[in-house]
Amino acid sequence: MTTQPAIPTLEDVASLAEVSTATVSRAINSPGKVAPDTRRRVNEAVAKLGYSPNFGARAMAVRRTMTIGAIIPTMENAIFARGLQAFQDELRMHGYTMLVASSAYRADTEEEQIRSLVARGADALLLIGHHRNPDIYKFLDAQNVPVLITWAYDPDADRPSIGFDNKAAMRDMAAEVIRMGHRDLALISAETASNDRASARHNGILTAMHEAGLHPEDLHYVETTYGIEEGAVAFERAMSMMPKPTAVFCGNDVLAVGALGRARELGIAVPGDVSIIGFDDIELAQVAHPPLTTVHVPHREMGRLAGLALAQLLNKGIALKSVELRASLIFRDTLAPR
């Protein structure tokens, strides 16, 4: 009869690494608090022994799982990648693991994922944007699961947020485009009814037009789903509107790159015939041809501060506070005076 090998214990790791069990625990749960050489010895011992912490038993003991859920609208492009990477890196420094899910921009799917992550014991949740059914917030309150909002900033909202003012960022970009002589404007946007970031960016352009003495109702508006091909189709539709726009804003860089591609196919010079403006400043914007004028979103700082805030809430009881970060205008080769 074959005997099963003994399961390695915390004490086994401590003995091999020549440290205390408390040090092993810190190295696993709060690596930032352990000296690099000590952390290396512990990690080598963990790998050699094949040790796996019994997080289930620990969760039962402390009523925490050391996991934080993050639900993003999409994994199909890099819009949220930088921020999530920074969020995960910061959480790891404090002993937490990130569980990530994607809602595909569907409110019902997001609600299912919220309930699923809570059922799996997530200690807190990171959500994108404020807009959702109030009942899901009531559910989270009843479950005593804290929530932090990112990719948006609203000091008047009931939930704390670490993000940027989408409306102000797009208003600033639109004001600059108008200052350069553009009067016939178009916007390619995601659905605004269920996306408060898209709605805020739309309103930012309308505000800039009003402030410049233009009629906001003259803005050509095309609503679509996010995607390169969707951006291409929407751009062709926008360019068929009269008067023909001389500047086309896009709700994100993915739509803008689709618009750029279709402009080339149609023989429309960018920025000679029309300027195209994106939003987010993901890497795609820098390698686009021509490189894309866009709004830079502070993805990494947003993710890092969100991770720090949630870790401090859970570990030290420091209350969540809203933090506004600055989005900046990035001028490249797809914008020129009218």
Protein backbone atom coordinates (compact mmCIF):
# COMPACT_ATOMS: atom_id res chain seq x y z
CA MET A 1 0.00 0.00 0.00
CA THR A 2 1.44 3.35 -1.03
CA THR A 3 1.63 5.97 1.73
CA GLN A 4 0.83 9.56 0.89
CA PRO A 5 3.72 12.00 1.36
CA ALA A 6 3.36 14.30 4.35
CA ILE A 7 1.90 17.71 3.55
CA PRO A 8 4.55 20.38 4.24
CA THR A 9 3.74 22.70 7.10
CA LEU A 10 4.56 26.27 8.05
CA GLU A 11 7.06 24.88 10.55
CA ASP A 12 8.81 22.91 7.78
CA VAL A 13 9.26 26.09 5.74
CA ALA A 14 10.55 28.00 8.76
CA SER A 15 13.07 25.26 9.54
CA LEU A 16 14.40 25.08 6.00
CA ALA A 17 14.62 28.87 5.64
CA GLU A 18 16.09 29.19 9.14
CA VAL A 19 13.55 31.77 10.26
CA SER A 20 10.59 31.84 12.62
CA THR A 21 7.10 30.77 11.63
CA ALA A 22 6.00 34.39 12.16
CA THR A 23 8.56 35.53 9.59
CA VAL A 24 7.32 32.93 7.10
CA SER A 25 3.77 34.18 7.62
CA ARG A 26 4.82 37.80 7.05
CA ALA A 27 6.84 36.86 3.95
CA ILE A 28 3.77 35.18 2.46
CA ASN A 29 1.07 37.62 3.55
CA SER A 30 2.95 40.94 3.72
CA PRO A 31 6.13 40.53 1.63
CA GLY A 32 6.84 44.25 1.68
CA LYS A 33 7.49 44.05 5.42
CA VAL A 34 10.23 41.41 5.09
CA ALA A 35 13.85 42.02 4.12
CA PRO A 36 14.60 40.95 0.52
CA ASP A 37 17.18 38.30 1.50
CA THR A 38 14.82 36.78 4.07
CA ARG A 39 11.94 36.86 1.63
CA ARG A 40 14.11 35.09 -0.94
CA ARG A 41 15.00 32.29 1.50
CA VAL A 42 11.37 31.82 2.45
CA ASN A 43 10.25 31.74 -1.20
CA GLU A 44 12.94 29.19 -2.04
CA ALA A 45 11.86 27.01 0.89
CA VAL A 46 8.20 27.29 -0.15
CA ALA A 47 9.08 26.25 -3.71
CA LYS A 48 11.34 23.38 -2.63
CA LEU A 49 8.82 21.92 -0.20
CA GLY A 50 5.76 22.62 -2.34
CA TYR A 51 4.13 24.39 0.58
CA SER A 52 0.67 25.93 0.12
CA PRO A 53 -0.82 28.13 2.88
CA ASN A 54 -4.11 26.88 4.29
CA PHE A 55 -6.06 30.01 3.48
CA GLY A 56 -9.35 28.21 4.07
CA ALA A 57 -8.53 27.57 7.71
CA ARG A 58 -7.17 31.07 8.09
CA ALA A 59 -10.29 32.59 6.58
CA MET A 60 -12.46 30.66 9.05
CA ALA A 61 -10.31 31.85 11.93
CA VAL A 62 -10.23 35.54 11.08
CA ARG A 63 -13.43 35.73 9.00
CA ARG A 64 -11.41 37.07 6.07
CA THR A 65 -10.16 35.50 2.85
CA MET A 66 -7.46 38.07 1.99
CA THR A 67 -8.99 38.40 -1.47
CA ILE A 68 -10.35 41.52 -3.15
CA GLY A 69 -12.58 41.37 -6.20
CA ALA A 70 -12.27 43.66 -9.19
CA ILE A 71 -14.97 43.78 -11.86
CA ILE A 72 -14.05 45.56 -15.08
CA PRO A 73 -16.23 46.18 -18.15
CA THR A 74 -14.00 44.31 -20.61
CA MET A 75 -10.86 42.22 -21.02
CA GLU A 76 -10.86 42.49 -24.81
CA ASN A 77 -8.47 45.44 -24.94
CA ALA A 78 -5.86 47.14 -22.77
CA ILE A 79 -8.02 49.98 -21.40
CA PHE A 80 -8.00 48.60 -17.86
CA ALA A 81 -4.79 46.54 -17.97
CA ARG A 82 -2.32 49.08 -16.55
CA GLY A 83 -4.57 50.09 -13.70
CA LEU A 84 -5.37 46.51 -12.74
CA GLN A 85 -1.70 45.51 -12.81
CA ALA A 86 -0.82 48.35 -10.45
CA PHE A 87 -3.83 47.46 -8.27
CA GLN A 88 -2.72 43.84 -8.02
CA ASP A 89 0.92 44.75 -7.33
CA GLU A 90 -0.10 47.03 -4.47
CA LEU A 91 -2.49 44.48 -2.98
CA ARG A 92 0.23 41.84 -3.02
CA MET A 93 2.48 44.11 -0.96
CA HIS A 94 -0.20 44.00 1.75
CA GLY A 95 -0.92 40.29 1.58
CA TYR A 96 -4.03 40.35 -0.61
CA THR A 97 -4.93 38.47 -3.78
CA MET A 98 -7.02 39.97 -6.57
CA LEU A 99 -9.92 38.13 -8.18
CA VAL A 100 -10.93 39.74 -11.47
CA ALA A 101 -14.07 39.39 -13.57
CA SER A 102 -15.41 41.12 -16.69
CA SER A 103 -18.99 42.25 -17.20
CA ALA A 104 -18.84 42.85 -20.98
CA TYR A 105 -20.51 46.22 -20.25
CA ARG A 106 -23.67 44.38 -19.12
CA ALA A 107 -25.29 45.56 -15.88
CA ASP A 108 -26.96 42.19 -15.24
CA THR A 109 -23.68 40.34 -15.69
CA GLU A 110 -21.92 42.72 -13.33
CA GLU A 111 -24.58 42.16 -10.66
CA GLU A 112 -24.16 38.38 -10.99
CA GLN A 113 -20.41 38.75 -10.60
CA ILE A 114 -20.75 41.02 -7.57
CA ARG A 115 -22.95 38.46 -5.83
CA SER A 116 -20.64 35.62 -6.84
CA LEU A 117 -17.51 37.34 -5.52
CA VAL A 118 -19.26 38.17 -2.25
CA ALA A 119 -20.40 34.54 -1.95
CA ARG A 120 -16.78 33.47 -2.39
CA GLY A 121 -15.76 35.66 0.51
CA ALA A 122 -14.22 38.70 -1.17
CA ASP A 123 -13.22 41.13 1.58
CA ALA A 124 -13.86 44.18 -0.63
CA LEU A 125 -14.68 45.09 -4.22
CA LEU A 126 -13.22 47.45 -6.80
CA LEU A 127 -15.84 48.64 -9.30
CA ILE A 128 -15.60 50.84 -12.40
CA GLY A 129 -17.82 53.91 -12.36
CA HIS A 130 -20.67 54.85 -10.02
CA HIS A 131 -23.74 54.05 -12.11
CA ARG A 132 -25.56 50.82 -11.19
CA ASN A 133 -28.82 49.61 -9.69
CA PRO A 134 -29.17 50.96 -6.11
CA ASP A 135 -30.30 47.50 -5.01
CA ILE A 136 -26.83 46.06 -5.59
CA TYR A 137 -25.35 48.72 -3.31
CA LYS A 138 -27.96 47.80 -0.68
CA PHE A 139 -26.90 44.17 -1.04
CA LEU A 140 -23.24 45.07 -0.50
CA ASP A 141 -24.11 47.16 2.54
CA ALA A 142 -26.11 44.29 4.00
CA GLN A 143 -23.15 41.96 3.44
CA ASN A 144 -20.78 44.52 4.98
CA VAL A 145 -18.52 44.43 1.90
CA PRO A 146 -16.76 47.76 1.26
CA VAL A 147 -16.68 49.13 -2.28
CA LEU A 148 -14.26 51.53 -3.94
CA ILE A 149 -15.06 53.17 -7.29
CA THR A 150 -12.36 53.91 -9.88
CA TRP A 151 -12.08 55.37 -13.40
CA ALA A 152 -14.41 58.10 -12.18
CA TYR A 153 -14.40 60.82 -9.54
CA ASP A 154 -17.51 62.30 -8.00
CA PRO A 155 -17.16 63.99 -4.61
CA ASP A 156 -20.95 64.13 -4.28
CA ALA A 157 -21.52 60.40 -4.75
CA ASP A 158 -22.42 58.14 -1.83
CA ARG A 159 -19.45 55.83 -2.55
CA PRO A 160 -15.81 56.88 -2.31
CA SER A 161 -13.90 57.04 -5.57
CA ILE A 162 -10.28 57.25 -6.64
CA GLY A 163 -10.23 58.49 -10.20
CA PHE A 164 -10.52 61.47 -12.48
CA ASP A 165 -13.22 63.83 -13.69
CA ASN A 166 -14.25 62.41 -17.08
CA LYS A 167 -16.38 65.43 -17.92
CA ALA A 168 -13.66 67.98 -17.12
CA ALA A 169 -11.03 66.02 -19.05
CA MET A 170 -13.10 65.85 -22.22
CA ARG A 171 -14.27 69.46 -21.80
CA ASP A 172 -10.62 70.58 -21.71
CA MET A 173 -9.79 68.61 -24.84
CA ALA A 174 -12.87 69.87 -26.68
CA ALA A 175 -12.09 73.47 -25.70
CA GLU A 176 -8.63 73.11 -27.24
CA VAL A 177 -10.06 71.59 -30.42
CA ILE A 178 -12.55 74.46 -30.71
CA ARG A 179 -9.77 76.98 -30.04
CA MET A 180 -7.96 75.53 -33.08
CA GLY A 181 -10.88 76.58 -35.25
CA HIS A 182 -13.04 73.47 -35.39
CA ARG A 183 -16.77 74.15 -35.33
CA ASP A 184 -18.30 71.04 -36.92
CA LEU A 185 -17.76 68.32 -34.35
CA ALA A 186 -18.74 64.66 -34.00
CA LEU A 187 -18.56 62.16 -31.14
CA ILE A 188 -18.34 58.38 -31.40
CA SER A 189 -19.34 57.04 -28.00
CA ALA A 190 -20.36 53.96 -26.08
CA GLU A 191 -23.91 53.81 -24.80
CA THR A 192 -24.34 56.63 -22.29
CA ALA A 193 -27.50 55.40 -20.54
CA SER A 194 -25.66 52.76 -18.50
CA ASN A 195 -22.10 54.11 -18.62
CA ASP A 196 -21.47 57.17 -16.48
CA ARG A 197 -17.93 57.62 -17.85
CA ALA A 198 -19.21 57.76 -21.44
CA SER A 199 -22.04 60.07 -20.41
CA ALA A 200 -19.62 62.42 -18.62
CA ARG A 201 -17.31 62.60 -21.64
CA HIS A 202 -20.28 63.39 -23.88
CA ASN A 203 -21.37 66.15 -21.51
CA GLY A 204 -17.83 67.53 -21.45
CA ILE A 205 -17.96 68.21 -25.19
CA LEU A 206 -21.41 69.76 -24.92
CA THR A 207 -20.17 72.03 -22.12
CA ALA A 208 -17.16 73.16 -24.14
CA MET A 209 -19.37 73.93 -27.12
CA HIS A 210 -21.75 75.95 -24.98
CA GLU A 211 -18.88 77.89 -23.41
CA ALA A 212 -17.51 78.68 -26.88
CA GLY A 213 -20.84 80.01 -28.15
CA LEU A 214 -21.56 76.94 -30.30
CA HIS A 215 -24.88 75.12 -30.27
CA PRO A 216 -24.47 71.81 -28.36
CA GLU A 217 -27.35 70.30 -30.34
CA ASP A 218 -25.17 70.60 -33.47
CA LEU A 219 -22.80 67.90 -32.19
CA HIS A 220 -23.03 64.86 -34.49
CA TYR A 221 -23.42 61.82 -32.23
CA VAL A 222 -22.90 58.15 -33.07
CA GLU A 223 -23.41 55.53 -30.36
CA THR A 224 -21.81 52.11 -30.68
CA THR A 225 -20.14 49.35 -28.71
CA TYR A 226 -16.41 49.45 -28.02
CA GLY A 227 -14.18 47.82 -30.63
CA ILE A 228 -11.89 48.71 -33.53
CA GLU A 229 -14.33 47.58 -36.20
CA GLU A 230 -17.17 49.33 -34.40
CA GLY A 231 -15.10 52.52 -34.41
CA ALA A 232 -14.51 52.17 -38.14
CA VAL A 233 -18.19 51.75 -38.95
CA ALA A 234 -19.18 54.61 -36.66
CA PHE A 235 -16.55 56.91 -38.21
CA GLU A 236 -17.91 56.29 -41.71
CA ARG A 237 -21.39 57.10 -40.46
CA ALA A 238 -20.19 60.29 -38.73
CA MET A 239 -18.45 61.47 -41.90
CA SER A 240 -21.69 61.08 -43.86
CA MET A 241 -23.43 63.64 -41.65
CA MET A 242 -23.85 67.24 -42.73
CA PRO A 243 -22.20 69.56 -42.22
CA LYS A 244 -19.27 67.18 -42.49
CA PRO A 245 -17.30 67.20 -39.22
CA THR A 246 -13.73 68.49 -39.20
CA ALA A 247 -12.99 66.90 -35.79
CA VAL A 248 -14.21 63.54 -34.52
CA PHE A 249 -13.97 62.74 -30.81
CA CYS A 250 -13.94 59.10 -29.78
CA GLY A 251 -14.98 57.76 -26.39
CA ASN A 252 -11.75 55.76 -26.13
CA ASP A 253 -8.58 55.00 -28.06
CA VAL A 254 -9.90 51.70 -29.39
CA LEU A 255 -12.72 53.46 -31.22
CA ALA A 256 -10.28 56.13 -32.41
CA VAL A 257 -7.89 53.57 -33.92
CA GLY A 258 -10.84 52.02 -35.75
CA ALA A 259 -11.73 55.48 -37.06
CA LEU A 260 -8.15 56.05 -38.22
CA GLY A 261 -8.14 52.80 -40.14
CA ARG A 262 -11.40 53.55 -41.91
CA ALA A 263 -10.20 57.06 -42.77
CA ARG A 264 -7.22 55.54 -44.59
CA GLU A 265 -9.51 53.13 -46.44
CA LEU A 266 -11.75 56.01 -47.53
CA GLY A 267 -8.84 58.22 -48.60
CA ILE A 268 -9.59 60.79 -45.90
CA ALA A 269 -6.42 62.50 -44.71
CA VAL A 270 -5.85 62.72 -40.95
CA PRO A 271 -5.43 65.43 -39.80
CA GLY A 272 -5.57 67.20 -43.19
CA ASP A 273 -9.25 66.51 -43.85
CA VAL A 274 -10.41 65.60 -40.35
CA SER A 275 -8.88 65.46 -36.89
CA ILE A 276 -9.46 62.39 -34.71
CA ILE A 277 -9.19 62.45 -30.92
CA GLY A 278 -9.16 59.49 -28.55
CA PHE A 279 -9.38 59.00 -24.79
CA ASP A 280 -7.29 56.86 -22.37
CA ASP A 281 -3.76 57.02 -23.86
CA ILE A 282 -3.21 53.26 -23.92
CA GLU A 283 -0.14 51.99 -25.80
CA LEU A 284 -2.23 51.56 -28.93
CA ALA A 285 -2.53 55.35 -29.15
CA GLN A 286 1.24 55.76 -29.35
CA VAL A 287 1.79 53.17 -32.10
CA ALA A 288 -1.23 54.18 -34.20
CA HIS A 289 -0.53 55.71 -37.61
CA PRO A 290 -0.45 58.62 -37.21
CA PRO A 291 0.05 58.66 -33.42
CA LEU A 292 -3.17 59.57 -31.69
CA THR A 293 -4.06 62.79 -29.89
CA THR A 294 -5.83 61.68 -26.73
CA VAL A 295 -6.54 62.23 -23.05
CA HIS A 296 -4.05 60.55 -20.76
CA VAL A 297 -5.70 58.65 -17.91
CA PRO A 298 -3.49 58.05 -14.82
CA HIS A 299 -4.12 54.30 -14.91
CA ARG A 300 -1.18 53.11 -12.80
CA GLU A 301 -1.49 55.73 -10.07
CA MET A 302 -5.22 55.10 -9.90
CA GLY A 303 -4.70 51.36 -9.48
CA ARG A 304 -1.91 51.78 -6.94
CA LEU A 305 -3.85 54.20 -4.76
CA ALA A 306 -6.97 52.03 -4.95
CA GLY A 307 -5.03 48.99 -3.79
CA LEU A 308 -3.42 50.96 -0.97
CA ALA A 309 -6.74 52.43 0.16
CA LEU A 310 -8.51 49.07 0.35
CA ALA A 311 -5.58 47.39 2.09
CA GLN A 312 -5.41 50.17 4.68
CA LEU A 313 -9.15 49.95 5.24
CA LEU A 314 -9.05 46.21 5.84
CA ASN A 315 -5.76 46.05 7.76
CA LYS A 316 -5.85 49.26 9.76
CA GLY A 317 -9.44 50.48 9.67
CA ILE A 318 -8.50 53.66 7.77
CA ALA A 319 -11.70 54.91 6.15
CA LEU A 320 -11.92 55.20 2.38
CA LYS A 321 -11.72 58.74 1.04
CA SER A 322 -12.31 60.06 -2.45
CA VAL A 323 -9.18 61.15 -4.32
CA GLU A 324 -9.19 63.13 -7.55
CA LEU A 325 -6.37 62.47 -9.99
CA ARG A 326 -5.58 64.62 -13.01
CA ALA A 327 -6.12 63.50 -16.58
CA SER A 328 -3.90 65.35 -19.04
CA LEU A 329 -4.11 66.23 -22.73
CA ILE A 330 -1.68 64.46 -25.06
CA PHE A 331 -1.20 66.14 -28.44
CA ARG A 332 0.16 63.95 -31.22
CA ASP A 333 -0.35 63.87 -34.97
CA THR A 334 -4.08 63.34 -35.47
CA LEU A 335 -5.09 66.86 -34.46
CA ALA A 336 -4.41 70.03 -36.45
CA PRO A 337 -6.05 73.45 -36.83
CA ARG A 338 -9.11 73.48 -39.03
